[in-house]
PDB file of all heavy atoms in Angstrom:
ATOM      1  N   CYS A   1     -16.728   0.884   9.420  1.00  0.00           N
ATOM      2  CA  CYS A   1     -15.888   0.462   8.303  1.00  0.00           C
ATOM      3  C   CYS A   1     -15.021  -0.689   8.807  1.00  0.00           C
ATOM      4  O   CYS A   1     -14.479  -0.617   9.910  1.00  0.00           O
ATOM      5  CB  CYS A   1     -15.028   1.617   7.804  1.00  0.00           C
ATOM      6  SG  CYS A   1     -16.000   2.891   6.975  1.00  0.00           S
ATOM      7  N   PRO A   2     -14.885  -1.766   8.009  1.00  0.00           N
ATOM      8  CA  PRO A   2     -14.233  -2.978   8.500  1.00  0.00           C
ATOM      9  C   PRO A   2     -12.717  -2.919   8.672  1.00  0.00           C
ATOM     10  O   PRO A   2     -12.147  -3.810   9.263  1.00  0.00           O
ATOM     11  CB  PRO A   2     -14.614  -4.018   7.445  1.00  0.00           C
ATOM     12  CG  PRO A   2     -14.878  -3.242   6.218  1.00  0.00           C
ATOM     13  CD  PRO A   2     -15.414  -1.923   6.655  1.00  0.00           C
ATOM     14  N   SER A   3     -12.060  -1.888   8.163  1.00  0.00           N
ATOM     15  CA  SER A   3     -10.606  -1.820   8.356  1.00  0.00           C
ATOM     16  C   SER A   3     -10.163  -0.392   8.597  1.00  0.00           C
ATOM     17  O   SER A   3     -10.864   0.562   8.245  1.00  0.00           O
ATOM     18  CB  SER A   3      -9.866  -2.409   7.143  1.00  0.00           C
ATOM     19  OG  SER A   3      -9.590  -1.413   6.192  1.00  0.00           O
ATOM     20  N   GLY A   4      -8.973  -0.268   9.181  1.00  0.00           N
ATOM     21  CA  GLY A   4      -8.420   1.059   9.482  1.00  0.00           C
ATOM     22  C   GLY A   4      -8.044   1.828   8.234  1.00  0.00           C
ATOM     23  O   GLY A   4      -7.811   3.035   8.282  1.00  0.00           O
ATOM     24  N   GLY A   5      -7.982   1.132   7.103  1.00  0.00           N
ATOM     25  CA  GLY A   5      -7.638   1.787   5.834  1.00  0.00           C
ATOM     26  C   GLY A   5      -8.845   2.350   5.117  1.00  0.00           C
ATOM     27  O   GLY A   5      -8.749   2.803   3.975  1.00  0.00           O
ATOM     28  N   LEU A   6     -10.003   2.324   5.807  1.00  0.00           N
ATOM     29  CA  LEU A   6     -11.237   2.893   5.239  1.00  0.00           C
ATOM     30  C   LEU A   6     -11.784   3.926   6.205  1.00  0.00           C
ATOM     31  O   LEU A   6     -11.595   3.817   7.407  1.00  0.00           O
ATOM     32  CB  LEU A   6     -12.286   1.801   5.029  1.00  0.00           C
ATOM     33  CG  LEU A   6     -11.975   0.679   4.040  1.00  0.00           C
ATOM     34  CD1 LEU A   6     -13.042  -0.394   4.114  1.00  0.00           C
ATOM     35  CD2 LEU A   6     -11.885   1.213   2.622  1.00  0.00           C
ATOM     36  N   GLN A   7     -12.442   4.934   5.653  1.00  0.00           N
ATOM     37  CA  GLN A   7     -13.104   5.915   6.514  1.00  0.00           C
ATOM     38  C   GLN A   7     -14.513   6.158   6.001  1.00  0.00           C
ATOM     39  O   GLN A   7     -14.799   5.942   4.833  1.00  0.00           O
ATOM     40  CB  GLN A   7     -12.304   7.219   6.562  1.00  0.00           C
ATOM     41  CG  GLN A   7     -12.212   7.952   5.235  1.00  0.00           C
ATOM     42  CD  GLN A   7     -11.313   9.165   5.303  1.00  0.00           C
ATOM     43  OE1 GLN A   7     -10.558   9.342   6.240  1.00  0.00           O
ATOM     44  NE2 GLN A   7     -11.388  10.009   4.289  1.00  0.00           N
ATOM     45  N   LEU A   8     -15.379   6.605   6.890  1.00  0.00           N
ATOM     46  CA  LEU A   8     -16.772   6.863   6.546  1.00  0.00           C
ATOM     47  C   LEU A   8     -16.848   8.019   5.558  1.00  0.00           C
ATOM     48  O   LEU A   8     -16.236   9.063   5.780  1.00  0.00           O
ATOM     49  CB  LEU A   8     -17.551   7.187   7.828  1.00  0.00           C
ATOM     50  CG  LEU A   8     -18.959   6.638   7.956  1.00  0.00           C
ATOM     51  CD1 LEU A   8     -19.041   5.166   7.612  1.00  0.00           C
ATOM     52  CD2 LEU A   8     -19.491   6.875   9.338  1.00  0.00           C
ATOM     53  N   GLY A   9     -17.588   7.809   4.480  1.00  0.00           N
ATOM     54  CA  GLY A   9     -17.733   8.840   3.449  1.00  0.00           C
ATOM     55  C   GLY A   9     -18.667   9.953   3.896  1.00  0.00           C
ATOM     56  O   GLY A   9     -19.278   9.879   4.970  1.00  0.00           O
ATOM     57  N   PRO A  10     -18.821  10.985   3.058  1.00  0.00           N
ATOM     58  CA  PRO A  10     -19.668  12.138   3.410  1.00  0.00           C
ATOM     59  C   PRO A  10     -21.130  11.763   3.677  1.00  0.00           C
ATOM     60  O   PRO A  10     -21.814  12.449   4.427  1.00  0.00           O
ATOM     61  CB  PRO A  10     -19.578  13.066   2.188  1.00  0.00           C
ATOM     62  CG  PRO A  10     -18.439  12.566   1.366  1.00  0.00           C
ATOM     63  CD  PRO A  10     -18.198  11.138   1.738  1.00  0.00           C
ATOM     64  N   ASP A  11     -21.611  10.647   3.076  1.00  0.00           N
ATOM     65  CA  ASP A  11     -23.005  10.248   3.288  1.00  0.00           C
ATOM     66  C   ASP A  11     -23.213   9.548   4.628  1.00  0.00           C
ATOM     67  O   ASP A  11     -24.340   9.286   5.027  1.00  0.00           O
ATOM     68  CB  ASP A  11     -23.502   9.352   2.141  1.00  0.00           C
ATOM     69  CG  ASP A  11     -22.753   8.028   2.028  1.00  0.00           C
ATOM     70  OD1 ASP A  11     -21.842   7.766   2.845  1.00  0.00           O
ATOM     71  OD2 ASP A  11     -23.083   7.252   1.106  1.00  0.00           O
ATOM     72  N   GLY A  12     -22.118   9.235   5.327  1.00  0.00           N
ATOM     73  CA  GLY A  12     -22.216   8.598   6.643  1.00  0.00           C
ATOM     74  C   GLY A  12     -22.625   7.132   6.596  1.00  0.00           C
ATOM     75  O   GLY A  12     -22.856   6.517   7.622  1.00  0.00           O
ATOM     76  N   ARG A  13     -22.702   6.551   5.388  1.00  0.00           N
ATOM     77  CA  ARG A  13     -23.139   5.161   5.240  1.00  0.00           C
ATOM     78  C   ARG A  13     -22.128   4.282   4.508  1.00  0.00           C
ATOM     79  O   ARG A  13     -21.996   3.116   4.793  1.00  0.00           O
ATOM     80  CB  ARG A  13     -24.481   5.098   4.488  1.00  0.00           C
ATOM     81  CG  ARG A  13     -25.636   5.731   5.242  1.00  0.00           C
ATOM     82  CD  ARG A  13     -26.960   5.598   4.511  1.00  0.00           C
ATOM     83  NE  ARG A  13     -26.882   6.155   3.166  1.00  0.00           N
ATOM     84  CZ  ARG A  13     -27.116   5.447   2.062  1.00  0.00           C
ATOM     85  NH1 ARG A  13     -27.460   4.203   2.131  1.00  0.00           N
ATOM     86  NH2 ARG A  13     -27.026   6.012   0.877  1.00  0.00           N
ATOM     87  N   THR A  14     -21.443   4.869   3.520  1.00  0.00           N
ATOM     88  CA  THR A  14     -20.482   4.085   2.734  1.00  0.00           C
ATOM     89  C   THR A  14     -19.055   4.415   3.175  1.00  0.00           C
ATOM     90  O   THR A  14     -18.794   5.480   3.719  1.00  0.00           O
ATOM     91  CB  THR A  14     -20.633   4.369   1.219  1.00  0.00           C
ATOM     92  OG1 THR A  14     -20.531   5.778   1.006  1.00  0.00           O
ATOM     93  CG2 THR A  14     -21.959   3.876   0.697  1.00  0.00           C
ATOM     94  N   CYS A  15     -18.161   3.447   2.937  1.00  0.00           N
ATOM     95  CA  CYS A  15     -16.766   3.612   3.334  1.00  0.00           C
ATOM     96  C   CYS A  15     -15.911   3.964   2.124  1.00  0.00           C
ATOM     97  O   CYS A  15     -16.079   3.389   1.055  1.00  0.00           O
ATOM     98  CB  CYS A  15     -16.257   2.323   3.972  1.00  0.00           C
ATOM     99  SG  CYS A  15     -17.133   1.914   5.496  1.00  0.00           S
ATOM    100  N   ILE A  16     -15.026   4.927   2.313  1.00  0.00           N
ATOM    101  CA  ILE A  16     -14.120   5.302   1.226  1.00  0.00           C
ATOM    102  C   ILE A  16     -12.685   4.975   1.636  1.00  0.00           C
ATOM    103  O   ILE A  16     -12.356   4.959   2.817  1.00  0.00           O
ATOM    104  CB  ILE A  16     -14.268   6.792   0.812  1.00  0.00           C
ATOM    105  CG1 ILE A  16     -14.132   7.728   2.019  1.00  0.00           C
ATOM    106  CG2 ILE A  16     -15.563   7.033   0.070  1.00  0.00           C
ATOM    107  CD1 ILE A  16     -14.091   9.204   1.659  1.00  0.00           C
ATOM    108  N   ASP A  17     -11.857   4.714   0.649  1.00  0.00           N
ATOM    109  CA  ASP A  17     -10.483   4.277   0.876  1.00  0.00           C
ATOM    110  C   ASP A  17      -9.599   5.432   1.344  1.00  0.00           C
ATOM    111  O   ASP A  17      -9.744   6.560   0.892  1.00  0.00           O
ATOM    112  CB  ASP A  17      -9.930   3.694  -0.435  1.00  0.00           C
ATOM    113  CG  ASP A  17      -8.497   3.238  -0.295  1.00  0.00           C
ATOM    114  OD1 ASP A  17      -8.214   2.452   0.625  1.00  0.00           O
ATOM    115  OD2 ASP A  17      -7.649   3.665  -1.109  1.00  0.00           O
ATOM    116  N   ILE A  18      -8.689   5.116   2.273  1.00  0.00           N
ATOM    117  CA  ILE A  18      -7.640   6.060   2.671  1.00  0.00           C
ATOM    118  C   ILE A  18      -6.395   5.624   1.913  1.00  0.00           C
ATOM    119  O   ILE A  18      -6.000   4.460   1.999  1.00  0.00           O
ATOM    120  CB  ILE A  18      -7.366   5.990   4.194  1.00  0.00           C
ATOM    121  CG1 ILE A  18      -8.603   6.400   4.995  1.00  0.00           C
ATOM    122  CG2 ILE A  18      -6.163   6.829   4.578  1.00  0.00           C
ATOM    123  CD1 ILE A  18      -8.515   6.082   6.487  1.00  0.00           C
ATOM    124  N   ASP A  19      -5.790   6.530   1.145  1.00  0.00           N
ATOM    125  CA  ASP A  19      -4.566   6.195   0.408  1.00  0.00           C
ATOM    126  C   ASP A  19      -3.376   6.334   1.349  1.00  0.00           C
ATOM    127  O   ASP A  19      -2.849   7.424   1.556  1.00  0.00           O
ATOM    128  CB  ASP A  19      -4.418   7.108  -0.816  1.00  0.00           C
ATOM    129  CG  ASP A  19      -3.265   6.693  -1.726  1.00  0.00           C
ATOM    130  OD1 ASP A  19      -2.383   5.929  -1.267  1.00  0.00           O
ATOM    131  OD2 ASP A  19      -3.240   7.125  -2.892  1.00  0.00           O
ATOM    132  N   GLU A  20      -2.987   5.203   1.956  1.00  0.00           N
ATOM    133  CA  GLU A  20      -1.879   5.224   2.925  1.00  0.00           C
ATOM    134  C   GLU A  20      -0.568   5.645   2.273  1.00  0.00           C
ATOM    135  O   GLU A  20       0.303   6.198   2.930  1.00  0.00           O
ATOM    136  CB  GLU A  20      -1.678   3.834   3.562  1.00  0.00           C
ATOM    137  CG  GLU A  20      -2.812   3.391   4.456  1.00  0.00           C
ATOM    138  CD  GLU A  20      -3.888   2.612   3.735  1.00  0.00           C
ATOM    139  OE1 GLU A  20      -3.891   2.586   2.480  1.00  0.00           O
ATOM    140  OE2 GLU A  20      -4.736   2.049   4.418  1.00  0.00           O
ATOM    141  N   CYS A  21      -0.425   5.368   0.972  1.00  0.00           N
ATOM    142  CA  CYS A  21       0.827   5.684   0.271  1.00  0.00           C
ATOM    143  C   CYS A  21       1.033   7.198   0.152  1.00  0.00           C
ATOM    144  O   CYS A  21       2.133   7.689   0.357  1.00  0.00           O
ATOM    145  CB  CYS A  21       0.835   5.035  -1.112  1.00  0.00           C
ATOM    146  SG  CYS A  21       0.705   3.240  -1.045  1.00  0.00           S
ATOM    147  N   SER A  22      -0.037   7.922  -0.157  1.00  0.00           N
ATOM    148  CA  SER A  22       0.118   9.369  -0.313  1.00  0.00           C
ATOM    149  C   SER A  22      -0.033  10.110   1.013  1.00  0.00           C
ATOM    150  O   SER A  22       0.457  11.226   1.164  1.00  0.00           O
ATOM    151  CB  SER A  22      -0.873   9.915  -1.351  1.00  0.00           C
ATOM    152  OG  SER A  22      -2.194   9.668  -0.926  1.00  0.00           O
ATOM    153  N   SER A  23      -0.703   9.479   2.002  1.00  0.00           N
ATOM    154  CA  SER A  23      -0.893  10.158   3.293  1.00  0.00           C
ATOM    155  C   SER A  23       0.321   9.995   4.206  1.00  0.00           C
ATOM    156  O   SER A  23       0.412  10.637   5.241  1.00  0.00           O
ATOM    157  CB  SER A  23      -2.148   9.633   3.997  1.00  0.00           C
ATOM    158  OG  SER A  23      -1.919   8.315   4.469  1.00  0.00           O
ATOM    159  N   GLY A  24       1.237   9.094   3.832  1.00  0.00           N
ATOM    160  CA  GLY A  24       2.442   8.887   4.645  1.00  0.00           C
ATOM    161  C   GLY A  24       2.231   7.916   5.798  1.00  0.00           C
ATOM    162  O   GLY A  24       3.113   7.730   6.622  1.00  0.00           O
ATOM    163  N   LYS A  25       1.058   7.289   5.861  1.00  0.00           N
ATOM    164  CA  LYS A  25       0.781   6.330   6.945  1.00  0.00           C
ATOM    165  C   LYS A  25       1.506   5.003   6.709  1.00  0.00           C
ATOM    166  O   LYS A  25       1.736   4.242   7.625  1.00  0.00           O
ATOM    167  CB  LYS A  25      -0.720   6.067   7.048  1.00  0.00           C
ATOM    168  CG  LYS A  25      -1.481   7.135   7.806  1.00  0.00           C
ATOM    169  CD  LYS A  25      -2.926   6.733   8.005  1.00  0.00           C
ATOM    170  CE  LYS A  25      -3.689   7.776   8.811  1.00  0.00           C
ATOM    171  NZ  LYS A  25      -5.089   7.426   8.964  1.00  0.00           N
ATOM    172  N   ALA A  26       1.804   4.728   5.432  1.00  0.00           N
ATOM    173  CA  ALA A  26       2.445   3.454   5.088  1.00  0.00           C
ATOM    174  C   ALA A  26       3.928   3.498   5.402  1.00  0.00           C
ATOM    175  O   ALA A  26       4.576   4.517   5.220  1.00  0.00           O
ATOM    176  CB  ALA A  26       2.232   3.161   3.612  1.00  0.00           C
ATOM    177  N   VAL A  27       4.462   2.373   5.889  1.00  0.00           N
ATOM    178  CA  VAL A  27       5.894   2.273   6.152  1.00  0.00           C
ATOM    179  C   VAL A  27       6.434   1.084   5.367  1.00  0.00           C
ATOM    180  O   VAL A  27       6.089  -0.060   5.631  1.00  0.00           O
ATOM    181  CB  VAL A  27       6.176   2.080   7.664  1.00  0.00           C
ATOM    182  CG1 VAL A  27       7.674   1.978   7.921  1.00  0.00           C
ATOM    183  CG2 VAL A  27       5.572   3.225   8.475  1.00  0.00           C
ATOM    184  N   CYS A  28       7.247   1.390   4.359  1.00  0.00           N
ATOM    185  CA  CYS A  28       7.882   0.341   3.556  1.00  0.00           C
ATOM    186  C   CYS A  28       9.391   0.500   3.671  1.00  0.00           C
ATOM    187  O   CYS A  28       9.898   1.622   3.770  1.00  0.00           O
ATOM    188  CB  CYS A  28       7.481   0.468   2.084  1.00  0.00           C
ATOM    189  SG  CYS A  28       5.738   0.101   1.759  1.00  0.00           S
ATOM    190  N   SER A  29      10.121  -0.634   3.671  1.00  0.00           N
ATOM    191  CA  SER A  29      11.588  -0.560   3.777  1.00  0.00           C
ATOM    192  C   SER A  29      12.174   0.091   2.519  1.00  0.00           C
ATOM    193  O   SER A  29      11.508   0.192   1.496  1.00  0.00           O
ATOM    194  CB  SER A  29      12.163  -1.954   4.014  1.00  0.00           C
ATOM    195  OG  SER A  29      11.755  -2.824   2.983  1.00  0.00           O
ATOM    196  N   TYR A  30      13.436   0.502   2.602  1.00  0.00           N
ATOM    197  CA  TYR A  30      14.066   1.335   1.566  1.00  0.00           C
ATOM    198  C   TYR A  30      13.978   0.761   0.155  1.00  0.00           C
ATOM    199  O   TYR A  30      13.876   1.501  -0.808  1.00  0.00           O
ATOM    200  CB  TYR A  30      15.522   1.632   1.942  1.00  0.00           C
ATOM    201  CG  TYR A  30      16.473   0.485   1.645  1.00  0.00           C
ATOM    202  CD1 TYR A  30      17.242   0.482   0.483  1.00  0.00           C
ATOM    203  CD2 TYR A  30      16.584  -0.608   2.501  1.00  0.00           C
ATOM    204  CE1 TYR A  30      18.094  -0.571   0.191  1.00  0.00           C
ATOM    205  CE2 TYR A  30      17.424  -1.661   2.213  1.00  0.00           C
ATOM    206  CZ  TYR A  30      18.184  -1.646   1.056  1.00  0.00           C
ATOM    207  OH  TYR A  30      19.015  -2.680   0.767  1.00  0.00           O
ATOM    208  N   ASN A  31      14.038  -0.583   0.025  1.00  0.00           N
ATOM    209  CA  ASN A  31      14.029  -1.155  -1.324  1.00  0.00           C
ATOM    210  C   ASN A  31      12.634  -1.614  -1.771  1.00  0.00           C
ATOM    211  O   ASN A  31      12.488  -2.396  -2.687  1.00  0.00           O
ATOM    212  CB  ASN A  31      15.035  -2.301  -1.438  1.00  0.00           C
ATOM    213  CG  ASN A  31      14.803  -3.391  -0.399  1.00  0.00           C
ATOM    214  OD1 ASN A  31      13.921  -3.260   0.446  1.00  0.00           O
ATOM    215  ND2 ASN A  31      15.582  -4.461  -0.472  1.00  0.00           N
ATOM    216  N   ARG A  32      11.603  -1.105  -1.063  1.00  0.00           N
ATOM    217  CA  ARG A  32      10.226  -1.438  -1.437  1.00  0.00           C
ATOM    218  C   ARG A  32       9.421  -0.168  -1.672  1.00  0.00           C
ATOM    219  O   ARG A  32       9.683   0.855  -1.065  1.00  0.00           O
ATOM    220  CB  ARG A  32       9.547  -2.260  -0.337  1.00  0.00           C
ATOM    221  CG  ARG A  32      10.175  -3.626  -0.171  1.00  0.00           C
ATOM    222  CD  ARG A  32       9.491  -4.400   0.931  1.00  0.00           C
ATOM    223  NE  ARG A  32      10.185  -5.647   1.195  1.00  0.00           N
ATOM    224  CZ  ARG A  32       9.581  -6.818   1.258  1.00  0.00           C
ATOM    225  NH1 ARG A  32       8.282  -6.902   1.096  1.00  0.00           N
ATOM    226  NH2 ARG A  32      10.263  -7.903   1.510  1.00  0.00           N
ATOM    227  N   ARG A  33       8.415  -0.278  -2.552  1.00  0.00           N
ATOM    228  CA  ARG A  33       7.537   0.866  -2.809  1.00  0.00           C
ATOM    229  C   ARG A  33       6.120   0.515  -2.393  1.00  0.00           C
ATOM    230  O   ARG A  33       5.725  -0.646  -2.418  1.00  0.00           O
ATOM    231  CB  ARG A  33       7.603   1.300  -4.274  1.00  0.00           C
ATOM    232  CG  ARG A  33       7.194   0.243  -5.272  1.00  0.00           C
ATOM    233  CD  ARG A  33       7.568   0.634  -6.699  1.00  0.00           C
ATOM    234  NE  ARG A  33       7.487  -0.527  -7.568  1.00  0.00           N
ATOM    235  CZ  ARG A  33       6.508  -0.733  -8.440  1.00  0.00           C
ATOM    236  NH1 ARG A  33       5.519   0.121  -8.558  1.00  0.00           N
ATOM    237  NH2 ARG A  33       6.499  -1.797  -9.205  1.00  0.00           N
ATOM    238  N   CYS A  34       5.360   1.534  -2.021  1.00  0.00           N
ATOM    239  CA  CYS A  34       4.000   1.360  -1.506  1.00  0.00           C
ATOM    240  C   CYS A  34       3.004   1.259  -2.648  1.00  0.00           C
ATOM    241  O   CYS A  34       3.053   2.032  -3.602  1.00  0.00           O
ATOM    242  CB  CYS A  34       3.682   2.567  -0.616  1.00  0.00           C
ATOM    243  SG  CYS A  34       2.038   2.507   0.100  1.00  0.00           S
ATOM    244  N   VAL A  35       2.096   0.291  -2.541  1.00  0.00           N
ATOM    245  CA  VAL A  35       1.002   0.140  -3.513  1.00  0.00           C
ATOM    246  C   VAL A  35      -0.305   0.184  -2.716  1.00  0.00           C
ATOM    247  O   VAL A  35      -0.532  -0.642  -1.833  1.00  0.00           O
ATOM    248  CB  VAL A  35       1.118  -1.186  -4.296  1.00  0.00           C
ATOM    249  CG1 VAL A  35      -0.041  -1.345  -5.278  1.00  0.00           C
ATOM    250  CG2 VAL A  35       2.444  -1.277  -5.029  1.00  0.00           C
TER     251      VAL A  35
END
């Protein structure tokens, strides 16, 4: 998968998105929200 924000799907061939906003991986300053 070309970026750290993607992970290999169950089929082992396609990449699925990791939602950094809901997983808590994203870091945004206090006056910003994650998209």
